[in-house]
Amino acid sequence: MIIKRNRGRQWLDWQRRMVTGAHYVGIAACLLLLITLIFGDMGLPRYFSMREHAQQLDVDLQELQRTTRTLRGDIDRLEHDPAKIEQLAREQLGYVRKGETVYQLVPAPSQERPRP
């Protein structure tokens, strides 16, 4: 009977050691994962940097979409609005209608002449 009790006790001691050993292995694995998460190549600093970059890209995208809408509106007006086409021709190319008289105002030369 003494032998059976010792074997039972040995079995319990062995199980305790295995559980305790597994506990230490689990703690070590968790610490390793935590260190990798914080200091690894794809750790938290990289994550926050990439998140900030993604937010900036979203802002840039919204701005580009607004610009695209504005330019598409300008293109539409140039294709379908004769008044807009005439305005641009007058402003940028100096076009005039038949029979119009154009007056150009030339600034007066300054009193002082540059010295050579």
C-alpha atoms as a PDB file:
ATOM      1  CA  MET A   1       0.000   0.000   0.000  1.00  0.00           C
ATOM      2  CA  ILE A   2       2.798   2.362   0.720  1.00  0.00           C
ATOM      3  CA  ILE A   3       4.116   1.944  -2.796  1.00  0.00           C
ATOM      4  CA  LYS A   4       0.748   2.811  -4.336  1.00  0.00           C
ATOM      5  CA  ARG A   5       0.454   5.944  -2.220  1.00  0.00           C
ATOM      6  CA  ASN A   6       3.955   7.017  -3.182  1.00  0.00           C
ATOM      7  CA  ARG A   7       3.152   6.456  -6.836  1.00  0.00           C
ATOM      8  CA  GLY A   8      -0.011   8.509  -6.494  1.00  0.00           C
ATOM      9  CA  ARG A   9       1.891  11.258  -4.732  1.00  0.00           C
ATOM     10  CA  GLN A  10       4.671  11.107  -7.344  1.00  0.00           C
ATOM     11  CA  TRP A  11       2.026  11.369 -10.050  1.00  0.00           C
ATOM     12  CA  LEU A  12       0.531  14.480  -8.404  1.00  0.00           C
ATOM     13  CA  ASP A  13       3.970  16.027  -7.949  1.00  0.00           C
ATOM     14  CA  TRP A  14       4.735  15.391 -11.615  1.00  0.00           C
ATOM     15  CA  GLN A  15       1.427  16.970 -12.681  1.00  0.00           C
ATOM     16  CA  ARG A  16       2.088  20.013 -10.492  1.00  0.00           C
ATOM     17  CA  ARG A  17       5.533  20.440 -12.013  1.00  0.00           C
ATOM     18  CA  MET A  18       4.072  20.193 -15.522  1.00  0.00           C
ATOM     19  CA  VAL A  19       1.382  22.755 -14.771  1.00  0.00           C
ATOM     20  CA  THR A  20       3.881  25.083 -13.107  1.00  0.00           C
ATOM     21  CA  GLY A  21       6.336  24.631 -15.969  1.00  0.00           C
ATOM     22  CA  ALA A  22       3.617  25.276 -18.521  1.00  0.00           C
ATOM     23  CA  HIS A  23       2.649  28.355 -16.549  1.00  0.00           C
ATOM     24  CA  TYR A  24       6.199  29.707 -16.835  1.00  0.00           C
ATOM     25  CA  VAL A  25       6.330  28.862 -20.522  1.00  0.00           C
ATOM     26  CA  GLY A  26       3.035  30.699 -21.026  1.00  0.00           C
ATOM     27  CA  ILE A  27       4.314  33.757 -19.189  1.00  0.00           C
ATOM     28  CA  ALA A  28       7.531  33.725 -21.213  1.00  0.00           C
ATOM     29  CA  ALA A  29       5.576  33.414 -24.464  1.00  0.00           C
ATOM     30  CA  CYS A  30       3.319  36.323 -23.483  1.00  0.00           C
ATOM     31  CA  LEU A  31       6.322  38.475 -22.613  1.00  0.00           C
ATOM     32  CA  LEU A  32       7.959  37.613 -25.914  1.00  0.00           C
ATOM     33  CA  LEU A  33       4.799  38.532 -27.815  1.00  0.00           C
ATOM     34  CA  LEU A  34       4.485  41.778 -25.876  1.00  0.00           C
ATOM     35  CA  ILE A  35       8.089  42.752 -26.577  1.00  0.00           C
ATOM     36  CA  THR A  36       7.634  41.908 -30.260  1.00  0.00           C
ATOM     37  CA  LEU A  37       4.437  43.929 -30.374  1.00  0.00           C
ATOM     38  CA  ILE A  38       6.116  46.976 -28.894  1.00  0.00           C
ATOM     39  CA  PHE A  39       9.592  46.872 -30.398  1.00  0.00           C
ATOM     40  CA  GLY A  40       9.229  44.719 -33.534  1.00  0.00           C
ATOM     41  CA  ASP A  41       9.400  45.907 -37.144  1.00  0.00           C
ATOM     42  CA  MET A  42       5.627  45.878 -37.372  1.00  0.00           C
ATOM     43  CA  GLY A  43       5.071  46.966 -33.780  1.00  0.00           C
ATOM     44  CA  LEU A  44       2.969  49.712 -32.271  1.00  0.00           C
ATOM     45  CA  PRO A  45       5.138  52.659 -33.411  1.00  0.00           C
ATOM     46  CA  ARG A  46       4.873  51.462 -37.008  1.00  0.00           C
ATOM     47  CA  TYR A  47       1.136  50.911 -36.608  1.00  0.00           C
ATOM     48  CA  PHE A  48       0.558  54.460 -35.334  1.00  0.00           C
ATOM     49  CA  SER A  49       2.744  55.900 -38.085  1.00  0.00           C
ATOM     50  CA  MET A  50       0.842  54.001 -40.750  1.00  0.00           C
ATOM     51  CA  ARG A  51      -2.511  54.995 -39.243  1.00  0.00           C
ATOM     52  CA  GLU A  52      -1.516  58.675 -39.298  1.00  0.00           C
ATOM     53  CA  HIS A  53      -0.340  58.313 -42.906  1.00  0.00           C
ATOM     54  CA  ALA A  54      -3.664  56.698 -43.873  1.00  0.00           C
ATOM     55  CA  GLN A  55      -5.580  59.578 -42.281  1.00  0.00           C
ATOM     56  CA  GLN A  56      -3.481  62.093 -44.226  1.00  0.00           C
ATOM     57  CA  LEU A  57      -4.138  60.163 -47.436  1.00  0.00           C
ATOM     58  CA  ASP A  58      -7.888  60.337 -46.722  1.00  0.00           C
ATOM     59  CA  VAL A  59      -7.670  64.123 -46.325  1.00  0.00           C
ATOM     60  CA  ASP A  60      -5.658  64.393 -49.563  1.00  0.00           C
ATOM     61  CA  LEU A  61      -8.186  62.206 -51.364  1.00  0.00           C
ATOM     62  CA  GLN A  62     -11.110  64.376 -50.251  1.00  0.00           C
ATOM     63  CA  GLU A  63      -9.287  67.504 -51.418  1.00  0.00           C
ATOM     64  CA  LEU A  64      -8.530  65.934 -54.797  1.00  0.00           C
ATOM     65  CA  GLN A  65     -12.162  64.880 -55.172  1.00  0.00           C
ATOM     66  CA  ARG A  66     -13.293  68.483 -54.520  1.00  0.00           C
ATOM     67  CA  THR A  67     -10.797  69.760 -57.094  1.00  0.00           C
ATOM     68  CA  THR A  68     -11.996  67.160 -59.601  1.00  0.00           C
ATOM     69  CA  ARG A  69     -15.624  68.233 -59.139  1.00  0.00           C
ATOM     70  CA  THR A  70     -14.645  71.881 -59.665  1.00  0.00           C
ATOM     71  CA  LEU A  71     -12.647  71.100 -62.799  1.00  0.00           C
ATOM     72  CA  ARG A  72     -15.430  68.915 -64.211  1.00  0.00           C
ATOM     73  CA  GLY A  73     -17.822  71.843 -63.705  1.00  0.00           C
ATOM     74  CA  ASP A  74     -15.409  74.164 -65.537  1.00  0.00           C
ATOM     75  CA  ILE A  75     -15.108  71.683 -68.403  1.00  0.00           C
ATOM     76  CA  ASP A  76     -18.884  71.385 -68.622  1.00  0.00           C
ATOM     77  CA  ARG A  77     -19.283  75.176 -68.763  1.00  0.00           C
ATOM     78  CA  LEU A  78     -16.605  75.455 -71.456  1.00  0.00           C
ATOM     79  CA  GLU A  79     -18.314  72.790 -73.550  1.00  0.00           C
ATOM     80  CA  HIS A  80     -21.889  74.095 -73.223  1.00  0.00           C
ATOM     81  CA  ASP A  81     -21.899  77.783 -72.190  1.00  0.00           C
ATOM     82  CA  PRO A  82     -21.201  80.203 -75.073  1.00  0.00           C
ATOM     83  CA  ALA A  83     -20.980  83.162 -72.659  1.00  0.00           C
ATOM     84  CA  LYS A  84     -18.120  81.464 -70.764  1.00  0.00           C
ATOM     85  CA  ILE A  85     -16.279  80.737 -74.016  1.00  0.00           C
ATOM     86  CA  GLU A  86     -16.684  84.360 -75.123  1.00  0.00           C
ATOM     87  CA  GLN A  87     -15.490  85.640 -71.747  1.00  0.00           C
ATOM     88  CA  LEU A  88     -12.314  83.532 -71.915  1.00  0.00           C
ATOM     89  CA  ALA A  89     -11.657  84.522 -75.521  1.00  0.00           C
ATOM     90  CA  ARG A  90     -11.929  88.199 -74.604  1.00  0.00           C
ATOM     91  CA  GLU A  91      -9.830  87.967 -71.432  1.00  0.00           C
ATOM     92  CA  GLN A  92      -7.072  85.618 -72.511  1.00  0.00           C
ATOM     93  CA  LEU A  93      -6.884  86.088 -76.265  1.00  0.00           C
ATOM     94  CA  GLY A  94      -7.979  89.725 -76.609  1.00  0.00           C
ATOM     95  CA  TYR A  95     -10.817  88.936 -79.039  1.00  0.00           C
ATOM     96  CA  VAL A  96     -13.409  91.627 -79.839  1.00  0.00           C
ATOM     97  CA  ARG A  97     -16.679  91.596 -81.734  1.00  0.00           C
ATOM     98  CA  LYS A  98     -17.064  93.272 -85.102  1.00  0.00           C
ATOM     99  CA  GLY A  99     -17.740  96.936 -84.680  1.00  0.00           C
ATOM    100  CA  GLU A 100     -16.435  97.155 -81.103  1.00  0.00           C
ATOM    101  CA  THR A 101     -13.818  99.712 -80.226  1.00  0.00           C
ATOM    102  CA  VAL A 102     -11.153  98.642 -77.788  1.00  0.00           C
ATOM    103  CA  TYR A 103      -9.496 101.167 -75.530  1.00  0.00           C
ATOM    104  CA  GLN A 104      -6.256 100.140 -73.895  1.00  0.00           C
ATOM    105  CA  LEU A 105      -5.014 102.188 -70.999  1.00  0.00           C
ATOM    106  CA  VAL A 106      -1.263 102.476 -70.876  1.00  0.00           C
ATOM    107  CA  PRO A 107       0.284 103.602 -67.597  1.00  0.00           C
ATOM    108  CA  ALA A 108       2.172 106.893 -67.757  1.00  0.00           C
ATOM    109  CA  PRO A 109       5.942 106.540 -67.670  1.00  0.00           C
ATOM    110  CA  SER A 110       7.420 107.429 -64.311  1.00  0.00           C
ATOM    111  CA  GLN A 111       9.121 110.788 -63.859  1.00  0.00           C
ATOM    112  CA  GLU A 112      12.424 109.265 -62.894  1.00  0.00           C
ATOM    113  CA  ARG A 113      14.448 107.446 -65.467  1.00  0.00           C
ATOM    114  CA  PRO A 114      16.749 104.673 -64.414  1.00  0.00           C
ATOM    115  CA  ARG A 115      20.326 105.831 -64.403  1.00  0.00           C
ATOM    116  CA  PRO A 116      22.774 103.917 -66.596  1.00  0.00           C
END
